[in-house]
Amino acid sequence: MKENVGVDPFGGVGATLSSSSDVGAPTNKDRKMQFVEKLVLYLRNPNLRENTFLELSKK
C-alpha cells in the first residue's frame, strides 16, 4: 500500500473506499475499521506519526 508523505492523512477520514466488489454502502462499523487501519499505517510511518498523534489527541 502506498502512503503519501506530506499529505494530511485525515483529509479523507470517513470516506468510503470503493471497488468493483462493493455491493452496497459500507456500514458504520466498516468505516470505523477503515479509519483504524489507516491510523495504524500512519502511526508506523515516522513522517506521519506526529500529525496522527495530534489528530488523535483532538478526539
Protein backbone atom coordinates (compact mmCIF):
# COMPACT_ATOMS: atom_id res chain seq x y z
CA MET A 1 0.00 0.00 0.00
CA LYS A 2 1.42 3.37 -1.00
CA GLU A 3 1.47 6.14 1.62
CA ASN A 4 1.52 9.81 0.68
CA VAL A 5 4.11 11.65 2.72
CA GLY A 6 3.28 15.29 3.39
CA VAL A 7 -0.43 14.84 2.74
CA ASP A 8 -2.96 15.47 5.52
CA PRO A 9 -3.84 11.90 6.50
CA PHE A 10 -7.16 12.98 7.95
CA GLY A 11 -8.45 14.82 4.91
CA GLY A 12 -10.43 11.78 3.80
CA VAL A 13 -11.48 10.37 7.15
CA GLY A 14 -14.87 8.74 6.89
CA ALA A 15 -14.66 8.45 3.14
CA THR A 16 -15.52 5.07 1.77
CA LEU A 17 -13.20 3.02 -0.36
CA SER A 18 -14.90 1.66 -3.41
CA SER A 19 -14.01 -1.28 -5.54
CA SER A 20 -15.79 -3.42 -8.07
CA SER A 21 -16.55 -5.97 -5.36
CA ASP A 22 -18.52 -3.47 -3.20
CA VAL A 23 -22.19 -4.37 -3.32
CA GLY A 24 -23.62 -1.62 -1.13
CA ALA A 25 -22.56 1.24 1.05
CA PRO A 26 -20.22 0.24 3.88
CA THR A 27 -21.70 0.16 7.33
CA ASN A 28 -20.58 2.50 10.08
CA LYS A 29 -18.54 -0.36 11.58
CA ASP A 30 -16.73 -0.84 8.25
CA ARG A 31 -15.88 2.86 8.09
CA LYS A 32 -14.57 2.82 11.65
CA MET A 33 -12.43 -0.21 10.84
CA GLN A 34 -11.04 1.52 7.75
CA PHE A 35 -10.27 4.58 9.89
CA VAL A 36 -8.44 2.47 12.50
CA GLU A 37 -6.48 0.60 9.84
CA LYS A 38 -5.45 3.92 8.29
CA LEU A 39 -4.36 5.23 11.70
CA VAL A 40 -2.17 2.19 12.28
CA LEU A 41 -0.48 2.72 8.93
CA TYR A 42 0.11 6.40 9.68
CA LEU A 43 1.48 5.65 13.14
CA ARG A 44 4.00 3.26 11.62
CA ASN A 45 5.31 5.97 9.29
CA PRO A 46 7.72 8.31 11.16
CA ASN A 47 6.90 11.18 8.78
CA LEU A 48 3.17 11.00 9.59
CA ARG A 49 3.30 9.90 13.23
CA GLU A 50 3.38 13.35 14.88
CA ASN A 51 0.35 14.66 12.96
CA THR A 52 -1.52 11.43 13.64
CA PHE A 53 -1.00 11.74 17.38
CA LEU A 54 -2.06 15.38 17.20
CA GLU A 55 -5.30 14.47 15.45
CA LEU A 56 -5.97 11.64 17.90
CA SER A 57 -5.48 13.97 20.86
CA LYS A 58 -8.23 16.23 19.50
CA LYS A 59 -10.78 13.42 19.54
